[in-house]
Amino acid sequence: MKKLEVLIVGAGPIGLACGIEAKNNNLDYLILEKGVLTNSIFHYPSNMTFFSTSEKLEMANIPFMSIANKPTRTEALEYYRRIVKHYQLKINLYEEVKDLEKQSEGFKVKTSKGEYITEKLILATGFYDLPNKMNVPGENLPKVSHYYKEPWPYIGQKIIVVGGGNSAVDVALETWRKGADVTMVVMKPTIDQTVKYWVLPDIENRIKEGSIKAYFNTTIKDIQETTVTLNTPEGELSIDNDFVLAMTGYRPNFALLDQLGVELSLDERRRPCFDGESQESNVPGLYLAGVVCGGLNTREFFIENTIVHAEAIIGDIVRKKSLQTQ
């Protein structure tokens, strides 16, 4: 059983930042990732462009070079690959955390490939792996997906895009431009006005001219093999359909937090309890980094404003280690 000073769960940008800080402070660390390097970014749509500029996403004194001001998914994947290579970070890919247990001095971590004992544990697990379900009949049909990669499978198909945020708008526009018959189903009365400013007029104009159909204040009642029933302000409506792309957002892995007894806020955000200075949770020795800190409010934390979590966490760990040796 491997013993460590610091175990980091998640090899996204913030997990990597924590690894860099740990290495710079000569801590015995390891990063675990259940999928590929920067797994969430890898599963983004192929043609996705970041909202943030490459400059704001820079970390660890490594310049982020991109062709345009706002980098693409591919450029981000290459950037983080170079960071890992430059710092020679210790990462185990394709090793999923299965069970976490708080012990008298540290944590026991069981994974798909082994077991570890660690003095400090950092959860930097993001939120992209668990989609928000619609909880409607037919959601488990093969034609329904909560993820979108590229438009080619939907050429000439009748598709429904659920949602009115950035992801839904990008999917609707890209599939429509490749020849899909696109209908948007939006729970709110309008497209989200926080949609990327250079995209918002595009989707509003496509809806206005009728190129993309949109039902507002509407939800899905049920999904069948060839149709979908909508709950509209005018009543139920059945429309022909080949695919449903539910861009309904994602949530953190609360199961890992629950295993260790992390307290969550009682409001609808379910925000985990942590110290704003050190990022240490209510469980001593357990630190939270990145967007997992926001609970269900996934619009509060981003890569650019959570990179600082790494320095705060490792700084706290080093200070406490120093006090123990005095």
C-alpha atoms as a PDB file:
ATOM      1  CA  MET A   1       0.000   0.000   0.000  1.00  0.00           C
ATOM      2  CA  LYS A   2       1.535   3.292  -1.140  1.00  0.00           C
ATOM      3  CA  LYS A   3       1.920   6.027   1.521  1.00  0.00           C
ATOM      4  CA  LEU A   4       1.911   9.672   0.479  1.00  0.00           C
ATOM      5  CA  GLU A   5       1.988  13.131   1.980  1.00  0.00           C
ATOM      6  CA  VAL A   6      -0.507  14.515  -0.551  1.00  0.00           C
ATOM      7  CA  LEU A   7      -2.938  12.738  -2.861  1.00  0.00           C
ATOM      8  CA  ILE A   8      -4.728  14.825  -5.484  1.00  0.00           C
ATOM      9  CA  VAL A   9      -7.900  13.503  -7.096  1.00  0.00           C
ATOM     10  CA  GLY A  10      -8.422  14.969 -10.565  1.00  0.00           C
ATOM     11  CA  ALA A  11      -5.913  15.874 -13.296  1.00  0.00           C
ATOM     12  CA  GLY A  12      -7.736  18.889 -14.626  1.00  0.00           C
ATOM     13  CA  PRO A  13      -6.040  22.317 -14.711  1.00  0.00           C
ATOM     14  CA  ILE A  14      -6.506  22.906 -10.968  1.00  0.00           C
ATOM     15  CA  GLY A  15      -5.360  19.413 -10.021  1.00  0.00           C
ATOM     16  CA  LEU A  16      -2.245  19.964 -12.129  1.00  0.00           C
ATOM     17  CA  ALA A  17      -1.665  23.322 -10.421  1.00  0.00           C
ATOM     18  CA  CYS A  18      -1.856  21.579  -7.036  1.00  0.00           C
ATOM     19  CA  GLY A  19       0.648  18.988  -8.240  1.00  0.00           C
ATOM     20  CA  ILE A  20       3.067  21.690  -9.363  1.00  0.00           C
ATOM     21  CA  GLU A  21       2.858  23.454  -6.004  1.00  0.00           C
ATOM     22  CA  ALA A  22       3.336  20.164  -4.173  1.00  0.00           C
ATOM     23  CA  LYS A  23       6.411  19.333  -6.259  1.00  0.00           C
ATOM     24  CA  ASN A  24       7.863  22.827  -5.808  1.00  0.00           C
ATOM     25  CA  ASN A  25       7.556  22.355  -2.045  1.00  0.00           C
ATOM     26  CA  ASN A  26       9.204  18.911  -2.099  1.00  0.00           C
ATOM     27  CA  LEU A  27       6.096  17.074  -0.938  1.00  0.00           C
ATOM     28  CA  ASP A  28       5.572  13.397  -1.727  1.00  0.00           C
ATOM     29  CA  TYR A  29       2.463  13.647  -3.926  1.00  0.00           C
ATOM     30  CA  LEU A  30       0.490  11.799  -6.587  1.00  0.00           C
ATOM     31  CA  ILE A  31      -2.336  12.872  -8.908  1.00  0.00           C
ATOM     32  CA  LEU A  32      -5.069  10.353  -9.759  1.00  0.00           C
ATOM     33  CA  GLU A  33      -7.284  10.732 -12.820  1.00  0.00           C
ATOM     34  CA  LYS A  34     -10.035   8.329 -13.793  1.00  0.00           C
ATOM     35  CA  GLY A  35      -9.776   9.195 -17.493  1.00  0.00           C
ATOM     36  CA  VAL A  36      -7.448  11.023 -19.837  1.00  0.00           C
ATOM     37  CA  LEU A  37      -5.333  14.018 -18.910  1.00  0.00           C
ATOM     38  CA  THR A  38      -7.651  17.014 -18.342  1.00  0.00           C
ATOM     39  CA  ASN A  39     -10.536  14.612 -18.822  1.00  0.00           C
ATOM     40  CA  SER A  40     -13.292  17.242 -18.763  1.00  0.00           C
ATOM     41  CA  ILE A  41     -11.652  19.374 -21.449  1.00  0.00           C
ATOM     42  CA  PHE A  42     -11.095  16.275 -23.568  1.00  0.00           C
ATOM     43  CA  HIS A  43     -14.854  15.627 -23.517  1.00  0.00           C
ATOM     44  CA  TYR A  44     -15.761  19.183 -24.528  1.00  0.00           C
ATOM     45  CA  PRO A  45     -17.164  19.636 -28.056  1.00  0.00           C
ATOM     46  CA  SER A  46     -14.432  19.261 -30.668  1.00  0.00           C
ATOM     47  CA  ASN A  47     -14.774  22.825 -31.972  1.00  0.00           C
ATOM     48  CA  MET A  48     -15.316  24.522 -28.608  1.00  0.00           C
ATOM     49  CA  THR A  49     -13.731  27.902 -27.964  1.00  0.00           C
ATOM     50  CA  PHE A  50     -13.095  29.035 -24.390  1.00  0.00           C
ATOM     51  CA  PHE A  51     -14.884  32.088 -23.034  1.00  0.00           C
ATOM     52  CA  SER A  52     -11.657  33.193 -21.326  1.00  0.00           C
ATOM     53  CA  THR A  53      -8.547  34.421 -23.085  1.00  0.00           C
ATOM     54  CA  SER A  54      -5.425  32.262 -23.191  1.00  0.00           C
ATOM     55  CA  GLU A  55      -3.640  34.822 -21.022  1.00  0.00           C
ATOM     56  CA  LYS A  56      -6.147  34.361 -18.189  1.00  0.00           C
ATOM     57  CA  LEU A  57      -5.758  30.585 -18.354  1.00  0.00           C
ATOM     58  CA  GLU A  58      -1.969  30.653 -18.049  1.00  0.00           C
ATOM     59  CA  MET A  59      -0.416  28.935 -15.035  1.00  0.00           C
ATOM     60  CA  ALA A  60       2.931  27.886 -13.567  1.00  0.00           C
ATOM     61  CA  ASN A  61       4.895  30.467 -15.601  1.00  0.00           C
ATOM     62  CA  ILE A  62       4.186  28.601 -18.841  1.00  0.00           C
ATOM     63  CA  PRO A  63       2.891  30.874 -21.650  1.00  0.00           C
ATOM     64  CA  PHE A  64      -0.381  29.766 -23.255  1.00  0.00           C
ATOM     65  CA  MET A  65       0.003  30.430 -26.961  1.00  0.00           C
ATOM     66  CA  SER A  66      -3.127  30.342 -29.117  1.00  0.00           C
ATOM     67  CA  ILE A  67      -3.859  31.457 -32.667  1.00  0.00           C
ATOM     68  CA  ALA A  68      -6.805  33.622 -31.611  1.00  0.00           C
ATOM     69  CA  ASN A  69      -7.336  35.546 -28.397  1.00  0.00           C
ATOM     70  CA  LYS A  70      -9.642  32.836 -27.062  1.00  0.00           C
ATOM     71  CA  PRO A  71      -8.115  29.357 -27.236  1.00  0.00           C
ATOM     72  CA  THR A  72      -9.741  26.244 -28.601  1.00  0.00           C
ATOM     73  CA  ARG A  73     -10.200  22.875 -26.910  1.00  0.00           C
ATOM     74  CA  THR A  74      -7.313  21.416 -28.925  1.00  0.00           C
ATOM     75  CA  GLU A  75      -4.980  24.254 -27.950  1.00  0.00           C
ATOM     76  CA  ALA A  76      -5.907  23.770 -24.284  1.00  0.00           C
ATOM     77  CA  LEU A  77      -5.240  20.035 -24.432  1.00  0.00           C
ATOM     78  CA  GLU A  78      -1.808  20.697 -25.905  1.00  0.00           C
ATOM     79  CA  TYR A  79      -1.068  23.427 -23.352  1.00  0.00           C
ATOM     80  CA  TYR A  80      -1.762  21.203 -20.351  1.00  0.00           C
ATOM     81  CA  ARG A  81       0.151  18.324 -21.930  1.00  0.00           C
ATOM     82  CA  ARG A  82       3.198  20.587 -22.178  1.00  0.00           C
ATOM     83  CA  ILE A  83       2.785  21.673 -18.554  1.00  0.00           C
ATOM     84  CA  VAL A  84       2.788  18.040 -17.384  1.00  0.00           C
ATOM     85  CA  LYS A  85       5.862  17.292 -19.486  1.00  0.00           C
ATOM     86  CA  HIS A  86       7.705  20.415 -18.332  1.00  0.00           C
ATOM     87  CA  TYR A  87       7.159  19.736 -14.630  1.00  0.00           C
ATOM     88  CA  GLN A  88       7.344  15.934 -14.947  1.00  0.00           C
ATOM     89  CA  LEU A  89       4.253  15.611 -12.780  1.00  0.00           C
ATOM     90  CA  LYS A  90       3.447  12.276 -11.171  1.00  0.00           C
ATOM     91  CA  ILE A  91       0.039  11.279 -12.527  1.00  0.00           C
ATOM     92  CA  ASN A  92      -1.753   7.949 -12.708  1.00  0.00           C
ATOM     93  CA  LEU A  93      -4.254   8.131 -15.573  1.00  0.00           C
ATOM     94  CA  TYR A  94      -7.203   5.750 -15.952  1.00  0.00           C
ATOM     95  CA  GLU A  95      -7.260   5.091 -12.205  1.00  0.00           C
ATOM     96  CA  GLU A  96     -10.651   5.842 -10.688  1.00  0.00           C
ATOM     97  CA  VAL A  97     -11.188   6.551  -6.988  1.00  0.00           C
ATOM     98  CA  LYS A  98     -13.747   4.092  -5.650  1.00  0.00           C
ATOM     99  CA  ASP A  99     -13.771   4.668  -1.907  1.00  0.00           C
ATOM    100  CA  LEU A 100     -12.494   7.263   0.562  1.00  0.00           C
ATOM    101  CA  GLU A 101     -12.109   6.680   4.287  1.00  0.00           C
ATOM    102  CA  LYS A 102     -11.040   9.147   6.991  1.00  0.00           C
ATOM    103  CA  GLN A 103      -8.616   7.609   9.444  1.00  0.00           C
ATOM    104  CA  SER A 104      -7.072   8.857  12.666  1.00  0.00           C
ATOM    105  CA  GLU A 105      -4.134  10.343  10.806  1.00  0.00           C
ATOM    106  CA  GLY A 106      -4.985  10.864   7.191  1.00  0.00           C
ATOM    107  CA  PHE A 107      -7.071   9.034   4.621  1.00  0.00           C
ATOM    108  CA  LYS A 108      -7.323   5.610   3.037  1.00  0.00           C
ATOM    109  CA  VAL A 109      -8.071   5.755  -0.685  1.00  0.00           C
ATOM    110  CA  LYS A 110      -9.187   2.736  -2.700  1.00  0.00           C
ATOM    111  CA  THR A 111      -9.010   2.961  -6.476  1.00  0.00           C
ATOM    112  CA  SER A 112      -9.647   0.755  -9.477  1.00  0.00           C
ATOM    113  CA  LYS A 113      -5.976  -0.251  -9.375  1.00  0.00           C
ATOM    114  CA  GLY A 114      -4.852  -0.172  -5.766  1.00  0.00           C
ATOM    115  CA  GLU A 115      -4.910   1.438  -2.333  1.00  0.00           C
ATOM    116  CA  TYR A 116      -3.162   4.465  -0.830  1.00  0.00           C
ATOM    117  CA  ILE A 117      -2.652   6.036   2.565  1.00  0.00           C
ATOM    118  CA  THR A 118      -2.236   9.801   2.450  1.00  0.00           C
ATOM    119  CA  GLU A 119      -1.760  12.463   5.109  1.00  0.00           C
ATOM    120  CA  LYS A 120      -3.584  15.131   3.086  1.00  0.00           C
ATOM    121  CA  LEU A 121      -6.223  14.731   0.399  1.00  0.00           C
ATOM    122  CA  ILE A 122      -7.147  17.270  -2.283  1.00  0.00           C
ATOM    123  CA  LEU A 123     -10.353  16.868  -4.265  1.00  0.00           C
ATOM    124  CA  ALA A 124     -10.117  18.704  -7.606  1.00  0.00           C
ATOM    125  CA  THR A 125     -12.769  16.646  -9.349  1.00  0.00           C
ATOM    126  CA  GLY A 126     -14.647  19.334 -11.277  1.00  0.00           C
ATOM    127  CA  PHE A 127     -18.262  18.730 -12.277  1.00  0.00           C
ATOM    128  CA  TYR A 128     -18.392  17.686 -15.936  1.00  0.00           C
ATOM    129  CA  ASP A 129     -18.740  13.940 -15.358  1.00  0.00           C
ATOM    130  CA  LEU A 130     -22.265  13.923 -13.878  1.00  0.00           C
ATOM    131  CA  PRO A 131     -24.992  15.523 -16.041  1.00  0.00           C
ATOM    132  CA  ASN A 132     -28.158  17.009 -14.605  1.00  0.00           C
ATOM    133  CA  LYS A 133     -30.877  14.602 -15.652  1.00  0.00           C
ATOM    134  CA  MET A 134     -34.288  15.715 -16.927  1.00  0.00           C
ATOM    135  CA  ASN A 135     -35.906  12.772 -15.120  1.00  0.00           C
ATOM    136  CA  VAL A 136     -38.478  12.133 -17.831  1.00  0.00           C
ATOM    137  CA  PRO A 137     -39.667   8.873 -19.424  1.00  0.00           C
ATOM    138  CA  GLY A 138     -37.458   7.883 -22.348  1.00  0.00           C
ATOM    139  CA  GLU A 139     -34.370   9.750 -21.171  1.00  0.00           C
ATOM    140  CA  ASN A 140     -32.391   6.517 -21.281  1.00  0.00           C
ATOM    141  CA  LEU A 141     -33.132   5.881 -24.957  1.00  0.00           C
ATOM    142  CA  PRO A 142     -30.017   5.626 -27.177  1.00  0.00           C
ATOM    143  CA  LYS A 143     -31.051   8.743 -29.100  1.00  0.00           C
ATOM    144  CA  VAL A 144     -30.687  10.926 -25.966  1.00  0.00           C
ATOM    145  CA  SER A 145     -27.307  12.331 -24.966  1.00  0.00           C
ATOM    146  CA  HIS A 146     -26.125  14.793 -22.313  1.00  0.00           C
ATOM    147  CA  TYR A 147     -22.837  15.280 -24.161  1.00  0.00           C
ATOM    148  CA  TYR A 148     -22.052  16.690 -27.587  1.00  0.00           C
ATOM    149  CA  LYS A 149     -18.862  16.174 -29.573  1.00  0.00           C
ATOM    150  CA  GLU A 150     -19.417  17.221 -33.189  1.00  0.00           C
ATOM    151  CA  PRO A 151     -22.244  17.894 -35.669  1.00  0.00           C
ATOM    152  CA  TRP A 152     -21.680  15.163 -38.261  1.00  0.00           C
ATOM    153  CA  PRO A 153     -24.032  12.503 -36.816  1.00  0.00           C
ATOM    154  CA  TYR A 154     -26.954  14.930 -37.022  1.00  0.00           C
ATOM    155  CA  ILE A 155     -26.842  15.917 -40.694  1.00  0.00           C
ATOM    156  CA  GLY A 156     -30.389  15.775 -42.082  1.00  0.00           C
ATOM    157  CA  GLN A 157     -31.828  14.730 -38.698  1.00  0.00           C
ATOM    158  CA  LYS A 158     -34.575  16.259 -36.585  1.00  0.00           C
ATOM    159  CA  ILE A 159     -32.909  17.153 -33.304  1.00  0.00           C
ATOM    160  CA  ILE A 160     -34.044  18.766 -30.076  1.00  0.00           C
ATOM    161  CA  VAL A 161     -31.522  20.793 -28.084  1.00  0.00           C
ATOM    162  CA  VAL A 162     -32.581  21.190 -24.456  1.00  0.00           C
ATOM    163  CA  GLY A 163     -31.338  24.315 -22.676  1.00  0.00           C
ATOM    164  CA  GLY A 164     -30.679  27.971 -23.371  1.00  0.00           C
ATOM    165  CA  GLY A 165     -27.133  28.509 -22.137  1.00  0.00           C
ATOM    166  CA  ASN A 166     -23.758  28.576 -23.875  1.00  0.00           C
ATOM    167  CA  SER A 167     -23.543  24.839 -24.521  1.00  0.00           C
ATOM    168  CA  ALA A 168     -27.070  24.578 -25.905  1.00  0.00           C
ATOM    169  CA  VAL A 169     -26.618  27.601 -28.153  1.00  0.00           C
ATOM    170  CA  ASP A 170     -23.308  26.320 -29.534  1.00  0.00           C
ATOM    171  CA  VAL A 171     -24.848  22.916 -30.269  1.00  0.00           C
ATOM    172  CA  ALA A 172     -27.938  24.415 -31.903  1.00  0.00           C
ATOM    173  CA  LEU A 173     -25.958  26.705 -34.193  1.00  0.00           C
ATOM    174  CA  GLU A 174     -23.288  24.180 -35.164  1.00  0.00           C
ATOM    175  CA  THR A 175     -25.719  21.351 -35.962  1.00  0.00           C
ATOM    176  CA  TRP A 176     -28.056  23.706 -37.857  1.00  0.00           C
ATOM    177  CA  ARG A 177     -25.158  24.936 -39.993  1.00  0.00           C
ATOM    178  CA  LYS A 178     -24.332  21.348 -40.908  1.00  0.00           C
ATOM    179  CA  GLY A 179     -27.868  20.607 -42.059  1.00  0.00           C
ATOM    180  CA  ALA A 180     -29.809  19.464 -39.001  1.00  0.00           C
ATOM    181  CA  ASP A 181     -33.442  20.423 -38.409  1.00  0.00           C
ATOM    182  CA  VAL A 182     -33.017  22.055 -34.987  1.00  0.00           C
ATOM    183  CA  THR A 183     -35.618  22.741 -32.303  1.00  0.00           C
ATOM    184  CA  MET A 184     -34.612  24.311 -29.000  1.00  0.00           C
ATOM    185  CA  VAL A 185     -36.558  23.577 -25.808  1.00  0.00           C
ATOM    186  CA  VAL A 186     -35.872  26.262 -23.212  1.00  0.00           C
ATOM    187  CA  MET A 187     -37.307  26.249 -19.703  1.00  0.00           C
ATOM    188  CA  LYS A 188     -36.867  30.019 -19.330  1.00  0.00           C
ATOM    189  CA  PRO A 189     -38.684  32.775 -21.287  1.00  0.00           C
ATOM    190  CA  THR A 190     -35.575  33.713 -23.312  1.00  0.00           C
ATOM    191  CA  ILE A 191     -32.127  32.532 -24.300  1.00  0.00           C
ATOM    192  CA  ASP A 192     -29.761  33.059 -21.366  1.00  0.00           C
ATOM    193  CA  GLN A 193     -28.427  36.599 -21.691  1.00  0.00           C
ATOM    194  CA  THR A 194     -25.044  35.493 -20.305  1.00  0.00           C
ATOM    195  CA  VAL A 195     -24.393  33.530 -23.517  1.00  0.00           C
ATOM    196  CA  LYS A 196     -21.113  34.564 -25.154  1.00  0.00           C
ATOM    197  CA  TYR A 197     -21.624  38.081 -26.443  1.00  0.00           C
ATOM    198  CA  TRP A 198     -20.402  37.286 -29.958  1.00  0.00           C
ATOM    199  CA  VAL A 199     -22.814  34.328 -30.220  1.00  0.00           C
ATOM    200  CA  LEU A 200     -25.986  35.707 -28.607  1.00  0.00           C
ATOM    201  CA  PRO A 201     -27.099  37.869 -31.576  1.00  0.00           C
ATOM    202  CA  ASP A 202     -26.512  34.925 -33.911  1.00  0.00           C
ATOM    203  CA  ILE A 203     -28.861  32.543 -32.094  1.00  0.00           C
ATOM    204  CA  GLU A 204     -31.481  35.236 -31.497  1.00  0.00           C
ATOM    205  CA  ASN A 205     -31.520  36.107 -35.203  1.00  0.00           C
ATOM    206  CA  ARG A 206     -31.716  32.448 -36.282  1.00  0.00           C
ATOM    207  CA  ILE A 207     -34.717  31.974 -33.995  1.00  0.00           C
ATOM    208  CA  LYS A 208     -36.334  35.208 -35.130  1.00  0.00           C
ATOM    209  CA  GLU A 209     -36.081  34.265 -38.811  1.00  0.00           C
ATOM    210  CA  GLY A 210     -37.360  30.745 -38.103  1.00  0.00           C
ATOM    211  CA  SER A 211     -34.203  28.893 -39.166  1.00  0.00           C
ATOM    212  CA  ILE A 212     -34.021  27.391 -35.670  1.00  0.00           C
ATOM    213  CA  LYS A 213     -37.320  26.685 -33.951  1.00  0.00           C
ATOM    214  CA  ALA A 214     -37.559  27.475 -30.246  1.00  0.00           C
ATOM    215  CA  TYR A 215     -40.134  26.762 -27.532  1.00  0.00           C
ATOM    216  CA  PHE A 216     -39.706  28.926 -24.442  1.00  0.00           C
ATOM    217  CA  ASN A 217     -41.190  28.360 -20.973  1.00  0.00           C
ATOM    218  CA  THR A 218     -41.240  24.746 -22.118  1.00  0.00           C
ATOM    219  CA  THR A 219     -40.086  21.395 -20.755  1.00  0.00           C
ATOM    220  CA  ILE A 220     -39.998  17.850 -22.077  1.00  0.00           C
ATOM    221  CA  LYS A 221     -42.777  15.588 -20.831  1.00  0.00           C
ATOM    222  CA  ASP A 222     -41.551  12.334 -22.360  1.00  0.00           C
ATOM    223  CA  ILE A 223     -39.368  10.957 -25.134  1.00  0.00           C
ATOM    224  CA  GLN A 224     -40.356   8.218 -27.583  1.00  0.00           C
ATOM    225  CA  GLU A 225     -38.456   6.472 -30.383  1.00  0.00           C
ATOM    226  CA  THR A 226     -39.647   8.855 -33.118  1.00  0.00           C
ATOM    227  CA  THR A 227     -41.337  11.712 -31.235  1.00  0.00           C
ATOM    228  CA  VAL A 228     -40.996  13.932 -28.174  1.00  0.00           C
ATOM    229  CA  THR A 229     -43.868  15.393 -26.159  1.00  0.00           C
ATOM    230  CA  LEU A 230     -43.413  18.935 -24.889  1.00  0.00           C
ATOM    231  CA  ASN A 231     -45.122  20.832 -22.087  1.00  0.00           C
ATOM    232  CA  THR A 232     -45.625  24.268 -23.668  1.00  0.00           C
ATOM    233  CA  PRO A 233     -47.545  27.304 -22.345  1.00  0.00           C
ATOM    234  CA  GLU A 234     -50.268  26.391 -24.860  1.00  0.00           C
ATOM    235  CA  GLY A 235     -50.436  22.767 -23.676  1.00  0.00           C
ATOM    236  CA  GLU A 236     -48.892  19.465 -24.719  1.00  0.00           C
ATOM    237  CA  LEU A 237     -47.297  19.221 -28.149  1.00  0.00           C
ATOM    238  CA  SER A 238     -45.846  16.154 -29.883  1.00  0.00           C
ATOM    239  CA  ILE A 239     -43.137  16.713 -32.490  1.00  0.00           C
ATOM    240  CA  ASP A 240     -41.151  14.342 -34.709  1.00  0.00           C
ATOM    241  CA  ASN A 241     -37.647  13.709 -33.470  1.00  0.00           C
ATOM    242  CA  ASP A 242     -34.521  11.670 -34.227  1.00  0.00           C
ATOM    243  CA  PHE A 243     -32.120  12.844 -31.483  1.00  0.00           C
ATOM    244  CA  VAL A 244     -32.291  14.746 -28.188  1.00  0.00           C
ATOM    245  CA  LEU A 245     -29.196  16.637 -27.018  1.00  0.00           C
ATOM    246  CA  ALA A 246     -29.815  17.629 -23.405  1.00  0.00           C
ATOM    247  CA  MET A 247     -27.426  20.468 -22.562  1.00  0.00           C
ATOM    248  CA  THR A 248     -28.800  20.700 -19.031  1.00  0.00           C
ATOM    249  CA  GLY A 249     -25.543  21.249 -17.162  1.00  0.00           C
ATOM    250  CA  TYR A 250     -23.528  19.113 -14.800  1.00  0.00           C
ATOM    251  CA  ARG A 251     -22.925  18.653 -11.080  1.00  0.00           C
ATOM    252  CA  PRO A 252     -20.013  17.792  -8.745  1.00  0.00           C
ATOM    253  CA  ASN A 253     -19.425  14.264  -7.502  1.00  0.00           C
ATOM    254  CA  PHE A 254     -21.224  14.652  -4.181  1.00  0.00           C
ATOM    255  CA  ALA A 255     -20.718  10.933  -3.461  1.00  0.00           C
ATOM    256  CA  LEU A 256     -17.011  11.468  -2.720  1.00  0.00           C
ATOM    257  CA  LEU A 257     -17.835  14.405  -0.443  1.00  0.00           C
ATOM    258  CA  ASP A 258     -20.501  12.405   1.355  1.00  0.00           C
ATOM    259  CA  GLN A 259     -18.133   9.506   1.998  1.00  0.00           C
ATOM    260  CA  LEU A 260     -15.901  11.766   4.076  1.00  0.00           C
ATOM    261  CA  GLY A 261     -18.632  13.750   5.801  1.00  0.00           C
ATOM    262  CA  VAL A 262     -18.175  17.084   4.054  1.00  0.00           C
ATOM    263  CA  GLU A 263     -20.968  19.395   5.136  1.00  0.00           C
ATOM    264  CA  LEU A 264     -23.114  20.937   2.374  1.00  0.00           C
ATOM    265  CA  SER A 265     -25.140  24.131   2.565  1.00  0.00           C
ATOM    266  CA  LEU A 266     -28.857  23.615   3.130  1.00  0.00           C
ATOM    267  CA  ASP A 267     -29.927  25.866   0.240  1.00  0.00           C
ATOM    268  CA  GLU A 268     -30.356  24.804  -3.381  1.00  0.00           C
ATOM    269  CA  ARG A 269     -26.671  25.389  -4.177  1.00  0.00           C
ATOM    270  CA  ARG A 270     -25.459  22.525  -1.918  1.00  0.00           C
ATOM    271  CA  ARG A 271     -22.130  24.292  -1.559  1.00  0.00           C
ATOM    272  CA  PRO A 272     -19.524  22.271   0.400  1.00  0.00           C
ATOM    273  CA  CYS A 273     -18.086  23.694   3.594  1.00  0.00           C
ATOM    274  CA  PHE A 274     -14.496  24.947   3.307  1.00  0.00           C
ATOM    275  CA  ASP A 275     -12.254  27.683   4.656  1.00  0.00           C
ATOM    276  CA  GLY A 276     -11.929  30.546   2.193  1.00  0.00           C
ATOM    277  CA  GLU A 277      -8.263  31.112   3.036  1.00  0.00           C
ATOM    278  CA  SER A 278      -6.838  27.576   3.093  1.00  0.00           C
ATOM    279  CA  GLN A 279      -9.518  25.686   1.090  1.00  0.00           C
ATOM    280  CA  GLU A 280      -9.598  23.081   3.884  1.00  0.00           C
ATOM    281  CA  SER A 281     -13.030  21.525   4.340  1.00  0.00           C
ATOM    282  CA  ASN A 282     -14.756  20.831   7.641  1.00  0.00           C
ATOM    283  CA  VAL A 283     -12.932  17.471   7.526  1.00  0.00           C
ATOM    284  CA  PRO A 284      -9.366  18.114   8.769  1.00  0.00           C
ATOM    285  CA  GLY A 285      -6.779  17.373   6.103  1.00  0.00           C
ATOM    286  CA  LEU A 286      -9.290  17.343   3.239  1.00  0.00           C
ATOM    287  CA  TYR A 287      -8.973  20.252   0.808  1.00  0.00           C
ATOM    288  CA  LEU A 288     -11.283  21.320  -2.015  1.00  0.00           C
ATOM    289  CA  ALA A 289      -9.950  22.909  -5.196  1.00  0.00           C
ATOM    290  CA  GLY A 290     -11.584  24.284  -8.323  1.00  0.00           C
ATOM    291  CA  VAL A 291     -15.202  24.276  -9.378  1.00  0.00           C
ATOM    292  CA  VAL A 292     -16.163  21.555  -6.886  1.00  0.00           C
ATOM    293  CA  CYS A 293     -16.228  24.392  -4.335  1.00  0.00           C
ATOM    294  CA  GLY A 294     -19.343  25.881  -5.938  1.00  0.00           C
ATOM    295  CA  GLY A 295     -21.659  22.933  -5.445  1.00  0.00           C
ATOM    296  CA  LEU A 296     -24.530  23.222  -7.878  1.00  0.00           C
ATOM    297  CA  ASN A 297     -23.660  26.850  -8.610  1.00  0.00           C
ATOM    298  CA  THR A 298     -21.248  26.029 -11.422  1.00  0.00           C
ATOM    299  CA  ARG A 299     -21.059  29.631 -12.665  1.00  0.00           C
ATOM    300  CA  GLU A 300     -19.144  30.954  -9.670  1.00  0.00           C
ATOM    301  CA  PHE A 301     -15.829  29.146 -10.093  1.00  0.00           C
ATOM    302  CA  PHE A 302     -13.759  28.863 -13.276  1.00  0.00           C
ATOM    303  CA  ILE A 303     -10.216  27.859 -14.204  1.00  0.00           C
ATOM    304  CA  GLU A 304      -8.918  31.426 -14.103  1.00  0.00           C
ATOM    305  CA  ASN A 305     -10.254  32.263 -10.632  1.00  0.00           C
ATOM    306  CA  THR A 306      -9.454  28.934  -8.953  1.00  0.00           C
ATOM    307  CA  ILE A 307      -5.820  28.431  -9.977  1.00  0.00           C
ATOM    308  CA  VAL A 308      -5.001  30.336  -6.768  1.00  0.00           C
ATOM    309  CA  HIS A 309      -6.522  27.456  -4.773  1.00  0.00           C
ATOM    310  CA  ALA A 310      -3.363  25.419  -5.418  1.00  0.00           C
ATOM    311  CA  GLU A 311      -1.034  27.894  -3.755  1.00  0.00           C
ATOM    312  CA  ALA A 312      -3.427  28.382  -0.818  1.00  0.00           C
ATOM    313  CA  ILE A 313      -3.798  24.636  -0.221  1.00  0.00           C
ATOM    314  CA  ILE A 314      -0.159  23.654  -0.485  1.00  0.00           C
ATOM    315  CA  GLY A 315       0.829  26.702   1.530  1.00  0.00           C
ATOM    316  CA  ASP A 316      -1.460  25.579   4.352  1.00  0.00           C
ATOM    317  CA  ILE A 317      -0.140  22.006   4.184  1.00  0.00           C
ATOM    318  CA  VAL A 318       3.481  23.205   4.335  1.00  0.00           C
ATOM    319  CA  ARG A 319       2.773  25.532   7.279  1.00  0.00           C
ATOM    320  CA  LYS A 320       1.089  22.748   9.264  1.00  0.00           C
ATOM    321  CA  LYS A 321       3.920  20.350   8.435  1.00  0.00           C
ATOM    322  CA  SER A 322       6.433  22.898   9.700  1.00  0.00           C
ATOM    323  CA  LEU A 323       4.538  23.308  12.978  1.00  0.00           C
ATOM    324  CA  GLN A 324       4.528  19.538  13.519  1.00  0.00           C
ATOM    325  CA  THR A 325       8.310  19.337  13.214  1.00  0.00           C
ATOM    326  CA  GLN A 326       8.991  22.171  15.656  1.00  0.00           C
END
